[in-house]
C-alpha atoms as a PDB file:
ATOM      1  CA  MET A   1     104.686 116.303 100.858  1.00  0.00           C
ATOM      2  CA  ALA A   2     107.908 116.884  99.168  1.00  0.00           C
ATOM      3  CA  ASP A   3     109.865 117.317 102.713  1.00  0.00           C
ATOM      4  CA  ARG A   4     107.848 114.129 103.933  1.00  0.00           C
ATOM      5  CA  ALA A   5     109.043 112.361 100.783  1.00  0.00           C
ATOM      6  CA  GLY A   6     112.958 113.107 101.383  1.00  0.00           C
ATOM      7  CA  THR A   7     112.907 112.575 104.771  1.00  0.00           C
ATOM      8  CA  THR A   8     110.951 108.935 104.030  1.00  0.00           C
ATOM      9  CA  PHE A   9     114.021 108.647 101.139  1.00  0.00           C
ATOM     10  CA  ALA A  10     116.709 109.263 103.804  1.00  0.00           C
ATOM     11  CA  LEU A  11     115.184 107.332 106.259  1.00  0.00           C
ATOM     12  CA  LEU A  12     115.172 104.190 104.197  1.00  0.00           C
ATOM     13  CA  ALA A  13     118.629 104.871 102.466  1.00  0.00           C
ATOM     14  CA  THR A  14     120.112 104.632 105.694  1.00  0.00           C
ATOM     15  CA  ARG A  15     117.424 102.655 107.935  1.00  0.00           C
ATOM     16  CA  ASP A  16     119.310  99.054 107.727  1.00  0.00           C
ATOM     17  CA  ASP A  17     121.604  97.562 105.239  1.00  0.00           C
ATOM     18  CA  ALA A  18     118.867  95.432 103.501  1.00  0.00           C
ATOM     19  CA  ALA A  19     116.570  98.313 103.275  1.00  0.00           C
ATOM     20  CA  ALA A  20     119.588 100.443 102.027  1.00  0.00           C
ATOM     21  CA  ARG A  21     120.175  97.836  99.416  1.00  0.00           C
ATOM     22  CA  THR A  22     116.953  97.561  98.248  1.00  0.00           C
ATOM     23  CA  LEU A  23     116.823 100.902  97.472  1.00  0.00           C
ATOM     24  CA  GLN A  24     119.887 101.326  95.847  1.00  0.00           C
ATOM     25  CA  GLU A  25     119.264  98.490  93.521  1.00  0.00           C
ATOM     26  CA  ARG A  26     115.583 100.398  93.346  1.00  0.00           C
ATOM     27  CA  LEU A  27     117.819 103.615  91.709  1.00  0.00           C
ATOM     28  CA  ALA A  28     120.235 101.106  89.271  1.00  0.00           C
ATOM     29  CA  ALA A  29     117.444  99.939  87.616  1.00  0.00           C
ATOM     30  CA  GLY A  30     116.038 103.898  86.827  1.00  0.00           C
ATOM     31  CA  PHE A  31     114.790 106.428  88.606  1.00  0.00           C
ATOM     32  CA  ARG A  32     111.053 107.564  87.717  1.00  0.00           C
ATOM     33  CA  VAL A  33     109.991 110.314  90.096  1.00  0.00           C
ATOM     34  CA  ASP A  34     106.094 108.429  90.596  1.00  0.00           C
ATOM     35  CA  ASP A  35     108.266 105.637  91.891  1.00  0.00           C
ATOM     36  CA  PHE A  36     109.419 107.858  94.932  1.00  0.00           C
ATOM     37  CA  PHE A  37     106.921 110.753  95.025  1.00  0.00           C
ATOM     38  CA  PRO A  38     102.656 110.785  95.230  1.00  0.00           C
ATOM     39  CA  GLU A  39     100.397 112.581  93.786  1.00  0.00           C
ATOM     40  CA  ALA A  40     100.073 115.955  95.699  1.00  0.00           C
ATOM     41  CA  ALA A  41      98.462 118.590  93.899  1.00  0.00           C
ATOM     42  CA  ASP A  42      95.328 118.563  95.582  1.00  0.00           C
ATOM     43  CA  LEU A  43      96.895 118.779  99.173  1.00  0.00           C
ATOM     44  CA  PRO A  44      97.397 122.267 100.627  1.00  0.00           C
ATOM     45  CA  GLU A  45     100.831 123.651 101.294  1.00  0.00           C
ATOM     46  CA  TYR A  46     102.363 126.821 102.456  1.00  0.00           C
ATOM     47  CA  ILE A  47      99.855 127.052 105.698  1.00  0.00           C
ATOM     48  CA  GLN A  48     101.000 129.473 107.969  1.00  0.00           C
ATOM     49  CA  ALA A  49     101.111 129.238 111.945  1.00  0.00           C
ATOM     50  CA  ALA A  50      98.346 130.799 112.465  1.00  0.00           C
ATOM     51  CA  GLU A  51      96.167 128.888 109.490  1.00  0.00           C
ATOM     52  CA  LEU A  52      97.751 126.024 111.342  1.00  0.00           C
ATOM     53  CA  GLU A  53      95.566 126.560 114.702  1.00  0.00           C
ATOM     54  CA  ALA A  54      92.304 128.340 113.417  1.00  0.00           C
ATOM     55  CA  ARG A  55      91.877 125.769 110.325  1.00  0.00           C
ATOM     56  CA  TYR A  56      93.508 122.276 111.231  1.00  0.00           C
ATOM     57  CA  GLY A  57      93.311 122.316 115.292  1.00  0.00           C
ATOM     58  CA  GLY A  58      97.317 123.024 115.361  1.00  0.00           C
ATOM     59  CA  VAL A  59      99.901 119.474 114.651  1.00  0.00           C
ATOM     60  CA  GLY A  60      97.332 117.592 117.298  1.00  0.00           C
ATOM     61  CA  GLY A  61      94.125 118.570 115.604  1.00  0.00           C
ATOM     62  CA  ARG A  62      91.883 116.249 113.923  1.00  0.00           C
ATOM     63  CA  LEU A  63      91.661 118.105 109.982  1.00  0.00           C
ATOM     64  CA  PHE A  64      95.924 118.215 110.793  1.00  0.00           C
ATOM     65  CA  ARG A  65      95.978 114.105 111.434  1.00  0.00           C
ATOM     66  CA  GLN A  66      93.516 113.353 108.880  1.00  0.00           C
ATOM     67  CA  TYR A  67      96.127 115.340 106.178  1.00  0.00           C
ATOM     68  CA  ALA A  68      98.779 113.537 107.494  1.00  0.00           C
ATOM     69  CA  GLY A  69      97.499 110.370 107.411  1.00  0.00           C
ATOM     70  CA  GLU A  70      96.978 110.727 103.874  1.00  0.00           C
ATOM     71  CA  VAL A  71     100.338 112.252 103.204  1.00  0.00           C
ATOM     72  CA  GLU A  72     102.230 109.214 105.229  1.00  0.00           C
ATOM     73  CA  ARG A  73      99.349 106.598 102.993  1.00  0.00           C
ATOM     74  CA  ARG A  74     100.282 108.133  99.696  1.00  0.00           C
ATOM     75  CA  LEU A  75     104.000 108.093 100.335  1.00  0.00           C
ATOM     76  CA  TRP A  76     104.270 104.559 101.481  1.00  0.00           C
ATOM     77  CA  SER A  77     102.030 103.178  98.647  1.00  0.00           C
ATOM     78  CA  CYS A  78     104.584 104.324  96.205  1.00  0.00           C
ATOM     79  CA  PRO A  79     106.040 101.508  94.494  1.00  0.00           C
ATOM     80  CA  ALA A  80     109.722 102.683  95.445  1.00  0.00           C
ATOM     81  CA  TYR A  81     108.549 102.155  99.034  1.00  0.00           C
ATOM     82  CA  ARG A  82     106.004  99.433  99.339  1.00  0.00           C
ATOM     83  CA  ALA A  83     107.955  96.525 100.337  1.00  0.00           C
ATOM     84  CA  LEU A  84     109.606  98.690 102.904  1.00  0.00           C
ATOM     85  CA  ALA A  85     106.601  99.926 104.798  1.00  0.00           C
ATOM     86  CA  PRO A  86     106.821  99.473 108.546  1.00  0.00           C
ATOM     87  CA  THR A  87     104.060  97.399 109.873  1.00  0.00           C
ATOM     88  CA  PRO A  88     101.602 100.349 111.260  1.00  0.00           C
ATOM     89  CA  ALA A  89     101.071 100.955 115.288  1.00  0.00           C
ATOM     90  CA  ALA A  90      97.472 100.699 115.916  1.00  0.00           C
ATOM     91  CA  ASN A  91      95.210 102.994 117.769  1.00  0.00           C
ATOM     92  CA  GLN A  92      92.809 101.927 120.276  1.00  0.00           C
ATOM     93  CA  ARG A  93      90.066 101.781 117.168  1.00  0.00           C
ATOM     94  CA  GLY A  94      92.553  98.721 115.307  1.00  0.00           C
ATOM     95  CA  GLN A  95      93.392 102.132 112.459  1.00  0.00           C
ATOM     96  CA  PRO A  96      96.790 103.228 111.676  1.00  0.00           C
ATOM     97  CA  LYS A  97      98.454 106.250 114.017  1.00  0.00           C
ATOM     98  CA  ALA A  98     100.711 108.319 111.311  1.00  0.00           C
ATOM     99  CA  ASP A  99     103.500 109.956 113.188  1.00  0.00           C
ATOM    100  CA  THR A 100     102.998 113.811 112.195  1.00  0.00           C
ATOM    101  CA  ARG A 101     105.983 115.362 113.973  1.00  0.00           C
ATOM    102  CA  PRO A 102     107.803 115.015 110.874  1.00  0.00           C
ATOM    103  CA  LEU A 103     105.389 117.050 108.704  1.00  0.00           C
ATOM    104  CA  LEU A 104     105.804 120.363 111.150  1.00  0.00           C
ATOM    105  CA  GLY A 105     107.989 122.113 109.072  1.00  0.00           C
ATOM    106  CA  PHE A 106     105.508 121.367 105.613  1.00  0.00           C
ATOM    107  CA  TRP A 107     102.834 122.387 107.412  1.00  0.00           C
ATOM    108  CA  LEU A 108     103.747 125.399 108.958  1.00  0.00           C
ATOM    109  CA  GLY A 109     105.211 126.784 105.686  1.00  0.00           C
ATOM    110  CA  ARG A 110     108.914 126.654 106.420  1.00  0.00           C
ATOM    111  CA  ALA A 111     109.517 124.038 103.783  1.00  0.00           C
ATOM    112  CA  ARG A 112     108.464 124.980 100.257  1.00  0.00           C
ATOM    113  CA  PRO A 113     107.615 121.927  98.377  1.00  0.00           C
ATOM    114  CA  PRO A 114     108.043 122.343  94.566  1.00  0.00           C
ATOM    115  CA  GLY A 115     105.134 122.609  92.079  1.00  0.00           C
ATOM    116  CA  ARG A 116     103.946 119.406  90.614  1.00  0.00           C
ATOM    117  CA  LEU A 117     107.186 117.394  89.494  1.00  0.00           C
ATOM    118  CA  THR A 118     106.544 115.512  86.136  1.00  0.00           C
END
């Protein structure tokens, strides 16, 4: 989650002038961790490659996609990101698709998210 939260912040800070301005104004008003980082204590962490394959079906597996979608949903529901959230592309059933590629390092245990932030 921490890795994806950081990439989301960077994406919005550099996406375009309007998004950068919105984010800068938000930060100028004060920084609260909860505005930028959602609850993550109930999500799995430090998953090694063998477990990723066996339990989650790899990066394309159903369970992996389920968790990746939940991570994306939580991030884009953060107060600082709501107004800047992209309109998700829909799959054939009309449900939003999550781009799971940025999460690969996190799920493989390469990114070490910190403990719960307060």
